[in-house]
Amino acid sequence: MTENDFPGKLLYYSKIDKYCVDVILKNTFAITDPTRGFNDPLDCFFEFDFAEWQKEDIISHFRGLFIVENCIEKGKEVADLSEEDQTEIDNYRHELTCWPEEILKQRLSDRSLRDNLLDHAA
């Protein structure tokens, strides 16, 4: 499955109990994180295809995510990052260069799955 083939709807099956009525009345539901595992290994299996991505592209993508999560979301501007922030970013990038390309692609696929499920659940 590619990113553009993400389904428009996900179905969630639940047993009928006292919580089921609450789910219906409040129009809410729970989503289990498939990266942490379901009771059936074939439940909700998605795979994103990053075959065309080169290792450097993946590293740059993860570096960008790292900057957003560790700097931007903490209220820092990229232009105003401290030397310590830059060192942390460079260390993370160097760590990624040590990983084999296939492992990086798998981590990217896992990350994309998680992010897309969370985006569609919101």
PDB file of N, CA and C in Angstrom:
ATOM      1  N   MET A   1       0.845  -1.170   0.000  1.00  0.00           N
ATOM      2  CA  MET A   1       0.000   0.000   0.000  1.00  0.00           C
ATOM      3  C   MET A   1       0.894   1.239   0.000  1.00  0.00           C
ATOM      4  N   THR A   2       0.589   2.176  -0.802  1.00  0.00           N
ATOM      5  CA  THR A   2       1.340   3.424  -0.830  1.00  0.00           C
ATOM      6  C   THR A   2       0.571   4.483  -0.065  1.00  0.00           C
ATOM      7  N   GLU A   3       1.224   5.612   0.193  1.00  0.00           N
ATOM      8  CA  GLU A   3       0.588   6.678   0.961  1.00  0.00           C
ATOM      9  C   GLU A   3      -0.711   7.153   0.314  1.00  0.00           C
ATOM     10  N   ASN A   4      -0.793   7.156  -1.008  1.00  0.00           N
ATOM     11  CA  ASN A   4      -1.984   7.635  -1.701  1.00  0.00           C
ATOM     12  C   ASN A   4      -3.126   6.635  -1.667  1.00  0.00           C
ATOM     13  N   ASP A   5      -2.855   5.394  -1.248  1.00  0.00           N
ATOM     14  CA  ASP A   5      -3.879   4.356  -1.220  1.00  0.00           C
ATOM     15  C   ASP A   5      -4.495   4.165   0.164  1.00  0.00           C
ATOM     16  N   PHE A   6      -4.246   5.098   1.073  1.00  0.00           N
ATOM     17  CA  PHE A   6      -4.751   4.952   2.431  1.00  0.00           C
ATOM     18  C   PHE A   6      -6.269   4.910   2.390  1.00  0.00           C
ATOM     19  N   PRO A   7      -6.878   3.938   3.076  1.00  0.00           N
ATOM     20  CA  PRO A   7      -8.337   3.798   3.011  1.00  0.00           C
ATOM     21  C   PRO A   7      -9.050   5.002   3.599  1.00  0.00           C
ATOM     22  N   GLY A   8     -10.227   5.276   3.073  1.00  0.00           N
ATOM     23  CA  GLY A   8     -11.027   6.384   3.563  1.00  0.00           C
ATOM     24  C   GLY A   8     -11.667   6.099   4.907  1.00  0.00           C
ATOM     25  N   LYS A   9     -11.873   4.813   5.230  1.00  0.00           N
ATOM     26  CA  LYS A   9     -12.509   4.434   6.486  1.00  0.00           C
ATOM     27  C   LYS A   9     -11.802   3.225   7.087  1.00  0.00           C
ATOM     28  N   LEU A  10     -11.783   3.183   8.399  1.00  0.00           N
ATOM     29  CA  LEU A  10     -11.302   2.019   9.128  1.00  0.00           C
ATOM     30  C   LEU A  10     -12.452   1.524   9.988  1.00  0.00           C
ATOM     31  N   LEU A  11     -12.694   0.229  10.008  1.00  0.00           N
ATOM     32  CA  LEU A  11     -13.759  -0.338  10.814  1.00  0.00           C
ATOM     33  C   LEU A  11     -13.184  -0.836  12.129  1.00  0.00           C
ATOM     34  N   TYR A  12     -13.931  -0.630  13.184  1.00  0.00           N
ATOM     35  CA  TYR A  12     -13.516  -1.073  14.510  1.00  0.00           C
ATOM     36  C   TYR A  12     -14.618  -1.949  15.081  1.00  0.00           C
ATOM     37  N   TYR A  13     -14.299  -3.195  15.404  1.00  0.00           N
ATOM     38  CA  TYR A  13     -15.274  -4.129  15.948  1.00  0.00           C
ATOM     39  C   TYR A  13     -15.060  -4.247  17.449  1.00  0.00           C
ATOM     40  N   SER A  14     -16.166  -4.255  18.181  1.00  0.00           N
ATOM     41  CA  SER A  14     -16.084  -4.330  19.629  1.00  0.00           C
ATOM     42  C   SER A  14     -17.195  -5.237  20.143  1.00  0.00           C
ATOM     43  N   LYS A  15     -16.957  -5.828  21.300  1.00  0.00           N
ATOM     44  CA  LYS A  15     -18.017  -6.629  21.919  1.00  0.00           C
ATOM     45  C   LYS A  15     -19.088  -5.683  22.474  1.00  0.00           C
ATOM     46  N   ILE A  16     -20.272  -6.189  22.626  1.00  0.00           N
ATOM     47  CA  ILE A  16     -21.356  -5.386  23.170  1.00  0.00           C
ATOM     48  C   ILE A  16     -21.316  -5.518  24.691  1.00  0.00           C
ATOM     49  N   ASP A  17     -21.057  -4.412  25.348  1.00  0.00           N
ATOM     50  CA  ASP A  17     -21.026  -4.364  26.802  1.00  0.00           C
ATOM     51  C   ASP A  17     -21.434  -2.962  27.241  1.00  0.00           C
ATOM     52  N   LYS A  18     -21.257  -2.649  28.529  1.00  0.00           N
ATOM     53  CA  LYS A  18     -21.705  -1.344  29.033  1.00  0.00           C
ATOM     54  C   LYS A  18     -20.955  -0.183  28.367  1.00  0.00           C
ATOM     55  N   TYR A  19     -19.738  -0.425  27.897  1.00  0.00           N
ATOM     56  CA  TYR A  19     -18.970   0.641  27.247  1.00  0.00           C
ATOM     57  C   TYR A  19     -19.432   0.882  25.813  1.00  0.00           C
ATOM     58  N   CYS A  20     -20.023  -0.117  25.197  1.00  0.00           N
ATOM     59  CA  CYS A  20     -20.487  -0.006  23.816  1.00  0.00           C
ATOM     60  C   CYS A  20     -21.531   1.107  23.684  1.00  0.00           C
ATOM     61  N   VAL A  21     -22.452   1.176  24.637  1.00  0.00           N
ATOM     62  CA  VAL A  21     -23.486   2.224  24.609  1.00  0.00           C
ATOM     63  C   VAL A  21     -22.831   3.595  24.715  1.00  0.00           C
ATOM     64  N   ASP A  22     -21.838   3.713  25.572  1.00  0.00           N
ATOM     65  CA  ASP A  22     -21.119   4.977  25.728  1.00  0.00           C
ATOM     66  C   ASP A  22     -20.448   5.390  24.426  1.00  0.00           C
ATOM     67  N   VAL A  23     -19.860   4.427  23.735  1.00  0.00           N
ATOM     68  CA  VAL A  23     -19.209   4.701  22.448  1.00  0.00           C
ATOM     69  C   VAL A  23     -20.226   5.224  21.441  1.00  0.00           C
ATOM     70  N   ILE A  24     -21.382   4.596  21.403  1.00  0.00           N
ATOM     71  CA  ILE A  24     -22.412   5.012  20.453  1.00  0.00           C
ATOM     72  C   ILE A  24     -22.964   6.386  20.811  1.00  0.00           C
ATOM     73  N   LEU A  25     -23.286   6.600  22.079  1.00  0.00           N
ATOM     74  CA  LEU A  25     -23.886   7.870  22.494  1.00  0.00           C
ATOM     75  C   LEU A  25     -22.926   9.054  22.355  1.00  0.00           C
ATOM     76  N   LYS A  26     -21.655   8.823  22.630  1.00  0.00           N
ATOM     77  CA  LYS A  26     -20.668   9.915  22.553  1.00  0.00           C
ATOM     78  C   LYS A  26     -19.993   9.983  21.190  1.00  0.00           C
ATOM     79  N   ASN A  27     -20.335   9.047  20.304  1.00  0.00           N
ATOM     80  CA  ASN A  27     -19.754   9.021  18.964  1.00  0.00           C
ATOM     81  C   ASN A  27     -18.222   9.010  19.014  1.00  0.00           C
ATOM     82  N   THR A  28     -17.687   8.141  19.822  1.00  0.00           N
ATOM     83  CA  THR A  28     -16.234   8.008  19.953  1.00  0.00           C
ATOM     84  C   THR A  28     -15.843   6.548  19.756  1.00  0.00           C
ATOM     85  N   PHE A  29     -14.573   6.317  19.549  1.00  0.00           N
ATOM     86  CA  PHE A  29     -14.072   4.952  19.442  1.00  0.00           C
ATOM     87  C   PHE A  29     -12.593   4.937  19.772  1.00  0.00           C
ATOM     88  N   ALA A  30     -12.077   3.763  20.026  1.00  0.00           N
ATOM     89  CA  ALA A  30     -10.669   3.600  20.373  1.00  0.00           C
ATOM     90  C   ALA A  30      -9.925   2.993  19.196  1.00  0.00           C
ATOM     91  N   ILE A  31      -8.685   3.408  19.025  1.00  0.00           N
ATOM     92  CA  ILE A  31      -7.822   2.823  18.002  1.00  0.00           C
ATOM     93  C   ILE A  31      -6.593   2.265  18.694  1.00  0.00           C
ATOM     94  N   THR A  32      -6.328   1.011  18.464  1.00  0.00           N
ATOM     95  CA  THR A  32      -5.126   0.386  18.994  1.00  0.00           C
ATOM     96  C   THR A  32      -3.973   0.690  18.052  1.00  0.00           C
ATOM     97  N   ASP A  33      -2.839   1.007  18.609  1.00  0.00           N
ATOM     98  CA  ASP A  33      -1.655   1.322  17.814  1.00  0.00           C
ATOM     99  C   ASP A  33      -1.112   0.029  17.196  1.00  0.00           C
ATOM    100  N   PRO A  34      -1.246  -0.157  15.867  1.00  0.00           N
ATOM    101  CA  PRO A  34      -0.810  -1.412  15.251  1.00  0.00           C
ATOM    102  C   PRO A  34       0.700  -1.622  15.299  1.00  0.00           C
ATOM    103  N   THR A  35       1.471  -0.559  15.553  1.00  0.00           N
ATOM    104  CA  THR A  35       2.916  -0.741  15.665  1.00  0.00           C
ATOM    105  C   THR A  35       3.274  -1.415  16.985  1.00  0.00           C
ATOM    106  N   ARG A  36       2.335  -1.437  17.926  1.00  0.00           N
ATOM    107  CA  ARG A  36       2.570  -2.117  19.201  1.00  0.00           C
ATOM    108  C   ARG A  36       1.943  -3.500  19.218  1.00  0.00           C
ATOM    109  N   GLY A  37       1.215  -3.823  18.170  1.00  0.00           N
ATOM    110  CA  GLY A  37       0.697  -5.171  18.019  1.00  0.00           C
ATOM    111  C   GLY A  37      -0.767  -5.337  18.370  1.00  0.00           C
ATOM    112  N   PHE A  38      -1.447  -6.120  17.573  1.00  0.00           N
ATOM    113  CA  PHE A  38      -2.807  -6.549  17.826  1.00  0.00           C
ATOM    114  C   PHE A  38      -2.759  -8.000  18.280  1.00  0.00           C
ATOM    115  N   ASN A  39      -3.921  -8.569  18.593  1.00  0.00           N
ATOM    116  CA  ASN A  39      -3.936  -9.980  18.938  1.00  0.00           C
ATOM    117  C   ASN A  39      -3.856 -10.863  17.692  1.00  0.00           C
ATOM    118  N   ASP A  40      -4.047 -10.283  16.520  1.00  0.00           N
ATOM    119  CA  ASP A  40      -3.924 -10.992  15.244  1.00  0.00           C
ATOM    120  C   ASP A  40      -2.881 -10.257  14.403  1.00  0.00           C
ATOM    121  N   PRO A  41      -1.804 -10.924  14.037  1.00  0.00           N
ATOM    122  CA  PRO A  41      -0.730 -10.220  13.316  1.00  0.00           C
ATOM    123  C   PRO A  41      -1.149  -9.678  11.956  1.00  0.00           C
ATOM    124  N   LEU A  42      -2.284 -10.126  11.410  1.00  0.00           N
ATOM    125  CA  LEU A  42      -2.732  -9.619  10.117  1.00  0.00           C
ATOM    126  C   LEU A  42      -3.721  -8.463  10.254  1.00  0.00           C
ATOM    127  N   ASP A  43      -4.134  -8.153  11.478  1.00  0.00           N
ATOM    128  CA  ASP A  43      -5.028  -7.013  11.689  1.00  0.00           C
ATOM    129  C   ASP A  43      -4.340  -5.727  11.258  1.00  0.00           C
ATOM    130  N   CYS A  44      -5.035  -4.948  10.488  1.00  0.00           N
ATOM    131  CA  CYS A  44      -4.613  -3.588  10.160  1.00  0.00           C
ATOM    132  C   CYS A  44      -3.166  -3.518   9.661  1.00  0.00           C
ATOM    133  N   PHE A  45      -2.789  -4.388   8.758  1.00  0.00           N
ATOM    134  CA  PHE A  45      -1.431  -4.375   8.228  1.00  0.00           C
ATOM    135  C   PHE A  45      -1.336  -3.403   7.062  1.00  0.00           C
ATOM    136  N   PHE A  46      -0.502  -2.417   7.207  1.00  0.00           N
ATOM    137  CA  PHE A  46      -0.231  -1.448   6.153  1.00  0.00           C
ATOM    138  C   PHE A  46       1.272  -1.445   5.899  1.00  0.00           C
ATOM    139  N   GLU A  47       1.621  -1.206   4.696  1.00  0.00           N
ATOM    140  CA  GLU A  47       3.041  -1.057   4.380  1.00  0.00           C
ATOM    141  C   GLU A  47       3.180   0.093   3.405  1.00  0.00           C
ATOM    142  N   PHE A  48       4.067   1.000   3.703  1.00  0.00           N
ATOM    143  CA  PHE A  48       4.319   2.134   2.827  1.00  0.00           C
ATOM    144  C   PHE A  48       5.576   1.833   2.024  1.00  0.00           C
ATOM    145  N   ASP A  49       5.546   2.163   0.766  1.00  0.00           N
ATOM    146  CA  ASP A  49       6.637   1.826  -0.145  1.00  0.00           C
ATOM    147  C   ASP A  49       7.579   3.014  -0.304  1.00  0.00           C
ATOM    148  N   PHE A  50       8.775   2.861   0.222  1.00  0.00           N
ATOM    149  CA  PHE A  50       9.802   3.890   0.095  1.00  0.00           C
ATOM    150  C   PHE A  50      10.974   3.367  -0.737  1.00  0.00           C
ATOM    151  N   ALA A  51      10.688   2.452  -1.660  1.00  0.00           N
ATOM    152  CA  ALA A  51      11.734   1.821  -2.465  1.00  0.00           C
ATOM    153  C   ALA A  51      12.524   2.839  -3.279  1.00  0.00           C
ATOM    154  N   GLU A  52      11.865   3.887  -3.738  1.00  0.00           N
ATOM    155  CA  GLU A  52      12.532   4.891  -4.570  1.00  0.00           C
ATOM    156  C   GLU A  52      13.392   5.867  -3.766  1.00  0.00           C
ATOM    157  N   TRP A  53      13.189   5.902  -2.461  1.00  0.00           N
ATOM    158  CA  TRP A  53      13.944   6.834  -1.626  1.00  0.00           C
ATOM    159  C   TRP A  53      15.384   6.345  -1.463  1.00  0.00           C
ATOM    160  N   GLN A  54      16.317   7.248  -1.567  1.00  0.00           N
ATOM    161  CA  GLN A  54      17.720   6.945  -1.313  1.00  0.00           C
ATOM    162  C   GLN A  54      18.002   7.150   0.175  1.00  0.00           C
ATOM    163  N   LYS A  55      19.076   6.547   0.651  1.00  0.00           N
ATOM    164  CA  LYS A  55      19.413   6.633   2.070  1.00  0.00           C
ATOM    165  C   LYS A  55      19.508   8.087   2.531  1.00  0.00           C
ATOM    166  N   GLU A  56      20.138   8.929   1.755  1.00  0.00           N
ATOM    167  CA  GLU A  56      20.301  10.339   2.130  1.00  0.00           C
ATOM    168  C   GLU A  56      18.948  11.046   2.240  1.00  0.00           C
ATOM    169  N   ASP A  57      17.992  10.682   1.374  1.00  0.00           N
ATOM    170  CA  ASP A  57      16.643  11.259   1.447  1.00  0.00           C
ATOM    171  C   ASP A  57      15.967  10.877   2.768  1.00  0.00           C
ATOM    172  N   ILE A  58      16.119   9.626   3.160  1.00  0.00           N
ATOM    173  CA  ILE A  58      15.511   9.148   4.399  1.00  0.00           C
ATOM    174  C   ILE A  58      16.150   9.843   5.600  1.00  0.00           C
ATOM    175  N   ILE A  59      17.462   9.944   5.584  1.00  0.00           N
ATOM    176  CA  ILE A  59      18.174  10.612   6.677  1.00  0.00           C
ATOM    177  C   ILE A  59      17.723  12.070   6.782  1.00  0.00           C
ATOM    178  N   SER A  60      17.607  12.760   5.659  1.00  0.00           N
ATOM    179  CA  SER A  60      17.151  14.154   5.668  1.00  0.00           C
ATOM    180  C   SER A  60      15.731  14.266   6.214  1.00  0.00           C
ATOM    181  N   HIS A  61      14.879  13.310   5.837  1.00  0.00           N
ATOM    182  CA  HIS A  61      13.500  13.315   6.318  1.00  0.00           C
ATOM    183  C   HIS A  61      13.458  13.131   7.839  1.00  0.00           C
ATOM    184  N   PHE A  62      14.190  12.128   8.348  1.00  0.00           N
ATOM    185  CA  PHE A  62      14.232  11.903   9.796  1.00  0.00           C
ATOM    186  C   PHE A  62      14.855  13.095  10.526  1.00  0.00           C
ATOM    187  N   ARG A  63      15.868  13.705   9.930  1.00  0.00           N
ATOM    188  CA  ARG A  63      16.491  14.888  10.531  1.00  0.00           C
ATOM    189  C   ARG A  63      15.468  16.012  10.656  1.00  0.00           C
ATOM    190  N   GLY A  64      14.661  16.199   9.612  1.00  0.00           N
ATOM    191  CA  GLY A  64      13.614  17.221   9.651  1.00  0.00           C
ATOM    192  C   GLY A  64      12.591  16.935  10.728  1.00  0.00           C
ATOM    193  N   LEU A  65      12.183  15.665  10.854  1.00  0.00           N
ATOM    194  CA  LEU A  65      11.231  15.286  11.903  1.00  0.00           C
ATOM    195  C   LEU A  65      11.834  15.529  13.284  1.00  0.00           C
ATOM    196  N   PHE A  66      13.112  15.226  13.420  1.00  0.00           N
ATOM    197  CA  PHE A  66      13.810  15.425  14.691  1.00  0.00           C
ATOM    198  C   PHE A  66      13.812  16.907  15.064  1.00  0.00           C
ATOM    199  N   ILE A  67      14.095  17.765  14.094  1.00  0.00           N
ATOM    200  CA  ILE A  67      14.106  19.215  14.342  1.00  0.00           C
ATOM    201  C   ILE A  67      12.719  19.689  14.755  1.00  0.00           C
ATOM    202  N   VAL A  68      11.702  19.236  14.052  1.00  0.00           N
ATOM    203  CA  VAL A  68      10.330  19.645  14.397  1.00  0.00           C
ATOM    204  C   VAL A  68       9.978  19.197  15.810  1.00  0.00           C
ATOM    205  N   GLU A  69      10.235  17.929  16.123  1.00  0.00           N
ATOM    206  CA  GLU A  69       9.833  17.388  17.420  1.00  0.00           C
ATOM    207  C   GLU A  69      10.665  17.926  18.579  1.00  0.00           C
ATOM    208  N   ASN A  70      11.934  18.197  18.339  1.00  0.00           N
ATOM    209  CA  ASN A  70      12.823  18.598  19.426  1.00  0.00           C
ATOM    210  C   ASN A  70      13.098  20.090  19.492  1.00  0.00           C
ATOM    211  N   CYS A  71      12.719  20.821  18.485  1.00  0.00           N
ATOM    212  CA  CYS A  71      12.984  22.266  18.484  1.00  0.00           C
ATOM    213  C   CYS A  71      11.713  23.074  18.218  1.00  0.00           C
ATOM    214  N   ILE A  72      11.112  22.875  17.059  1.00  0.00           N
ATOM    215  CA  ILE A  72       9.956  23.672  16.645  1.00  0.00           C
ATOM    216  C   ILE A  72       8.800  23.507  17.633  1.00  0.00           C
ATOM    217  N   GLU A  73       8.471  22.263  17.994  1.00  0.00           N
ATOM    218  CA  GLU A  73       7.361  22.029  18.914  1.00  0.00           C
ATOM    219  C   GLU A  73       7.660  22.530  20.320  1.00  0.00           C
ATOM    220  N   LYS A  74       8.907  22.834  20.607  1.00  0.00           N
ATOM    221  CA  LYS A  74       9.279  23.407  21.900  1.00  0.00           C
ATOM    222  C   LYS A  74       9.393  24.925  21.819  1.00  0.00           C
ATOM    223  N   GLY A  75       8.927  25.497  20.707  1.00  0.00           N
ATOM    224  CA  GLY A  75       8.878  26.950  20.569  1.00  0.00           C
ATOM    225  C   GLY A  75      10.154  27.598  20.071  1.00  0.00           C
ATOM    226  N   LYS A  76      11.094  26.817  19.573  1.00  0.00           N
ATOM    227  CA  LYS A  76      12.344  27.391  19.070  1.00  0.00           C
ATOM    228  C   LYS A  76      12.242  27.632  17.572  1.00  0.00           C
ATOM    229  N   GLU A  77      12.847  28.700  17.101  1.00  0.00           N
ATOM    230  CA  GLU A  77      12.933  28.987  15.677  1.00  0.00           C
ATOM    231  C   GLU A  77      14.208  28.348  15.138  1.00  0.00           C
ATOM    232  N   VAL A  78      14.157  27.802  13.930  1.00  0.00           N
ATOM    233  CA  VAL A  78      15.327  27.141  13.342  1.00  0.00           C
ATOM    234  C   VAL A  78      16.517  28.100  13.280  1.00  0.00           C
ATOM    235  N   ALA A  79      16.261  29.339  12.911  1.00  0.00           N
ATOM    236  CA  ALA A  79      17.356  30.317  12.794  1.00  0.00           C
ATOM    237  C   ALA A  79      18.003  30.618  14.141  1.00  0.00           C
ATOM    238  N   ASP A  80      17.290  30.368  15.238  1.00  0.00           N
ATOM    239  CA  ASP A  80      17.789  30.708  16.567  1.00  0.00           C
ATOM    240  C   ASP A  80      18.269  29.505  17.375  1.00  0.00           C
ATOM    241  N   LEU A  81      18.487  28.370  16.712  1.00  0.00           N
ATOM    242  CA  LEU A  81      18.925  27.186  17.443  1.00  0.00           C
ATOM    243  C   LEU A  81      20.310  27.408  18.026  1.00  0.00           C
ATOM    244  N   SER A  82      20.488  26.937  19.251  1.00  0.00           N
ATOM    245  CA  SER A  82      21.772  27.086  19.926  1.00  0.00           C
ATOM    246  C   SER A  82      22.797  26.120  19.338  1.00  0.00           C
ATOM    247  N   GLU A  83      24.032  26.332  19.728  1.00  0.00           N
ATOM    248  CA  GLU A  83      25.100  25.424  19.292  1.00  0.00           C
ATOM    249  C   GLU A  83      24.841  24.020  19.836  1.00  0.00           C
ATOM    250  N   GLU A  84      24.286  23.949  21.042  1.00  0.00           N
ATOM    251  CA  GLU A  84      23.953  22.657  21.643  1.00  0.00           C
ATOM    252  C   GLU A  84      22.864  21.952  20.823  1.00  0.00           C
ATOM    253  N   ASP A  85      21.854  22.715  20.382  1.00  0.00           N
ATOM    254  CA  ASP A  85      20.802  22.148  19.537  1.00  0.00           C
ATOM    255  C   ASP A  85      21.392  21.626  18.227  1.00  0.00           C
ATOM    256  N   GLN A  86      22.253  22.419  17.607  1.00  0.00           N
ATOM    257  CA  GLN A  86      22.874  22.018  16.340  1.00  0.00           C
ATOM    258  C   GLN A  86      23.711  20.754  16.521  1.00  0.00           C
ATOM    259  N   THR A  87      24.422  20.668  17.630  1.00  0.00           N
ATOM    260  CA  THR A  87      25.232  19.478  17.912  1.00  0.00           C
ATOM    261  C   THR A  87      24.339  18.251  18.078  1.00  0.00           C
ATOM    262  N   GLU A  88      23.224  18.409  18.784  1.00  0.00           N
ATOM    263  CA  GLU A  88      22.293  17.303  18.974  1.00  0.00           C
ATOM    264  C   GLU A  88      21.720  16.838  17.629  1.00  0.00           C
ATOM    265  N   ILE A  89      21.386  17.781  16.763  1.00  0.00           N
ATOM    266  CA  ILE A  89      20.869  17.450  15.431  1.00  0.00           C
ATOM    267  C   ILE A  89      21.943  16.732  14.611  1.00  0.00           C
ATOM    268  N   ASP A  90      23.168  17.236  14.649  1.00  0.00           N
ATOM    269  CA  ASP A  90      24.264  16.605  13.912  1.00  0.00           C
ATOM    270  C   ASP A  90      24.551  15.193  14.432  1.00  0.00           C
ATOM    271  N   ASN A  91      24.486  15.010  15.753  1.00  0.00           N
ATOM    272  CA  ASN A  91      24.706  13.681  16.340  1.00  0.00           C
ATOM    273  C   ASN A  91      23.622  12.700  15.900  1.00  0.00           C
ATOM    274  N   TYR A  92      22.377  13.171  15.858  1.00  0.00           N
ATOM    275  CA  TYR A  92      21.280  12.326  15.414  1.00  0.00           C
ATOM    276  C   TYR A  92      21.478  11.931  13.950  1.00  0.00           C
ATOM    277  N   ARG A  93      21.851  12.899  13.126  1.00  0.00           N
ATOM    278  CA  ARG A  93      22.096  12.623  11.707  1.00  0.00           C
ATOM    279  C   ARG A  93      23.220  11.599  11.550  1.00  0.00           C
ATOM    280  N   HIS A  94      24.287  11.770  12.312  1.00  0.00           N
ATOM    281  CA  HIS A  94      25.412  10.829  12.237  1.00  0.00           C
ATOM    282  C   HIS A  94      24.965   9.430  12.660  1.00  0.00           C
ATOM    283  N   GLU A  95      24.143   9.346  13.707  1.00  0.00           N
ATOM    284  CA  GLU A  95      23.619   8.052  14.154  1.00  0.00           C
ATOM    285  C   GLU A  95      22.832   7.376  13.032  1.00  0.00           C
ATOM    286  N   LEU A  96      22.023   8.152  12.315  1.00  0.00           N
ATOM    287  CA  LEU A  96      21.237   7.588  11.218  1.00  0.00           C
ATOM    288  C   LEU A  96      22.122   7.066  10.084  1.00  0.00           C
ATOM    289  N   THR A  97      23.243   7.704   9.820  1.00  0.00           N
ATOM    290  CA  THR A  97      24.122   7.252   8.734  1.00  0.00           C
ATOM    291  C   THR A  97      24.717   5.878   9.027  1.00  0.00           C
ATOM    292  N   CYS A  98      24.727   5.481  10.290  1.00  0.00           N
ATOM    293  CA  CYS A  98      25.274   4.171  10.671  1.00  0.00           C
ATOM    294  C   CYS A  98      24.283   3.033  10.441  1.00  0.00           C
ATOM    295  N   TRP A  99      23.013   3.367  10.264  1.00  0.00           N
ATOM    296  CA  TRP A  99      21.983   2.343  10.062  1.00  0.00           C
ATOM    297  C   TRP A  99      21.968   1.906   8.603  1.00  0.00           C
ATOM    298  N   PRO A 100      21.744   0.618   8.328  1.00  0.00           N
ATOM    299  CA  PRO A 100      21.601   0.156   6.944  1.00  0.00           C
ATOM    300  C   PRO A 100      20.348   0.782   6.303  1.00  0.00           C
ATOM    301  N   GLU A 101      20.396   0.965   5.007  1.00  0.00           N
ATOM    302  CA  GLU A 101      19.293   1.604   4.283  1.00  0.00           C
ATOM    303  C   GLU A 101      17.969   0.863   4.480  1.00  0.00           C
ATOM    304  N   GLU A 102      17.985  -0.459   4.471  1.00  0.00           N
ATOM    305  CA  GLU A 102      16.739  -1.220   4.620  1.00  0.00           C
ATOM    306  C   GLU A 102      16.105  -1.007   5.995  1.00  0.00           C
ATOM    307  N   ILE A 103      16.926  -0.912   7.026  1.00  0.00           N
ATOM    308  CA  ILE A 103      16.402  -0.654   8.373  1.00  0.00           C
ATOM    309  C   ILE A 103      15.796   0.750   8.419  1.00  0.00           C
ATOM    310  N   LEU A 104      16.450   1.720   7.805  1.00  0.00           N
ATOM    311  CA  LEU A 104      15.908   3.078   7.758  1.00  0.00           C
ATOM    312  C   LEU A 104      14.569   3.113   7.027  1.00  0.00           C
ATOM    313  N   LYS A 105      14.465   2.377   5.925  1.00  0.00           N
ATOM    314  CA  LYS A 105      13.197   2.330   5.181  1.00  0.00           C
ATOM    315  C   LYS A 105      12.100   1.704   6.028  1.00  0.00           C
ATOM    316  N   GLN A 106      12.435   0.663   6.789  1.00  0.00           N
ATOM    317  CA  GLN A 106      11.441   0.033   7.654  1.00  0.00           C
ATOM    318  C   GLN A 106      11.002   0.989   8.754  1.00  0.00           C
ATOM    319  N   ARG A 107      11.955   1.695   9.355  1.00  0.00           N
ATOM    320  CA  ARG A 107      11.608   2.677  10.395  1.00  0.00           C
ATOM    321  C   ARG A 107      10.737   3.787   9.822  1.00  0.00           C
ATOM    322  N   LEU A 108      11.031   4.208   8.599  1.00  0.00           N
ATOM    323  CA  LEU A 108      10.230   5.246   7.945  1.00  0.00           C
ATOM    324  C   LEU A 108       8.826   4.734   7.664  1.00  0.00           C
ATOM    325  N   SER A 109       8.710   3.493   7.210  1.00  0.00           N
ATOM    326  CA  SER A 109       7.408   2.894   6.959  1.00  0.00           C
ATOM    327  C   SER A 109       6.596   2.786   8.252  1.00  0.00           C
ATOM    328  N   ASP A 110       7.242   2.327   9.327  1.00  0.00           N
ATOM    329  CA  ASP A 110       6.563   2.223  10.623  1.00  0.00           C
ATOM    330  C   ASP A 110       6.097   3.587  11.102  1.00  0.00           C
ATOM    331  N   ARG A 111       6.945   4.578  10.931  1.00  0.00           N
ATOM    332  CA  ARG A 111       6.611   5.945  11.353  1.00  0.00           C
ATOM    333  C   ARG A 111       5.446   6.483  10.530  1.00  0.00           C
ATOM    334  N   SER A 112       5.473   6.256   9.224  1.00  0.00           N
ATOM    335  CA  SER A 112       4.408   6.732   8.352  1.00  0.00           C
ATOM    336  C   SER A 112       3.081   6.078   8.702  1.00  0.00           C
ATOM    337  N   LEU A 113       3.118   4.793   8.996  1.00  0.00           N
ATOM    338  CA  LEU A 113       1.913   4.079   9.399  1.00  0.00           C
ATOM    339  C   LEU A 113       1.324   4.710  10.656  1.00  0.00           C
ATOM    340  N   ARG A 114       2.158   4.875  11.661  1.00  0.00           N
ATOM    341  CA  ARG A 114       1.690   5.444  12.923  1.00  0.00           C
ATOM    342  C   ARG A 114       1.140   6.855  12.726  1.00  0.00           C
ATOM    343  N   ASP A 115       1.882   7.708  12.022  1.00  0.00           N
ATOM    344  CA  ASP A 115       1.452   9.092  11.817  1.00  0.00           C
ATOM    345  C   ASP A 115       0.161   9.179  11.024  1.00  0.00           C
ATOM    346  N   ASN A 116       0.034   8.352   9.992  1.00  0.00           N
ATOM    347  CA  ASN A 116      -1.191   8.384   9.180  1.00  0.00           C
ATOM    348  C   ASN A 116      -2.390   7.881   9.963  1.00  0.00           C
ATOM    349  N   LEU A 117      -2.225   6.849  10.767  1.00  0.00           N
ATOM    350  CA  LEU A 117      -3.336   6.365  11.578  1.00  0.00           C
ATOM    351  C   LEU A 117      -3.763   7.412  12.589  1.00  0.00           C
ATOM    352  N   LEU A 118      -2.800   8.074  13.201  1.00  0.00           N
ATOM    353  CA  LEU A 118      -3.132   9.113  14.175  1.00  0.00           C
ATOM    354  C   LEU A 118      -3.789  10.309  13.494  1.00  0.00           C
ATOM    355  N   ASP A 119      -3.331  10.689  12.307  1.00  0.00           N
ATOM    356  CA  ASP A 119      -3.931  11.807  11.562  1.00  0.00           C
ATOM    357  C   ASP A 119      -5.369  11.496  11.174  1.00  0.00           C
ATOM    358  N   HIS A 120      -5.628  10.257  10.739  1.00  0.00           N
ATOM    359  CA  HIS A 120      -6.975   9.894  10.302  1.00  0.00           C
ATOM    360  C   HIS A 120      -7.919   9.659  11.470  1.00  0.00           C
ATOM    361  N   ALA A 121      -7.379   9.387  12.635  1.00  0.00           N
ATOM    362  CA  ALA A 121      -8.221   9.161  13.818  1.00  0.00           C
ATOM    363  C   ALA A 121      -8.693  10.482  14.415  1.00  0.00           C
ATOM    364  N   ALA A 122      -7.951  11.533  14.161  1.00  0.00           N
ATOM    365  CA  ALA A 122      -8.279  12.829  14.791  1.00  0.00           C
ATOM    366  C   ALA A 122      -9.487  13.474  14.164  1.00  0.00           C
TER     367      ALA A 122
END
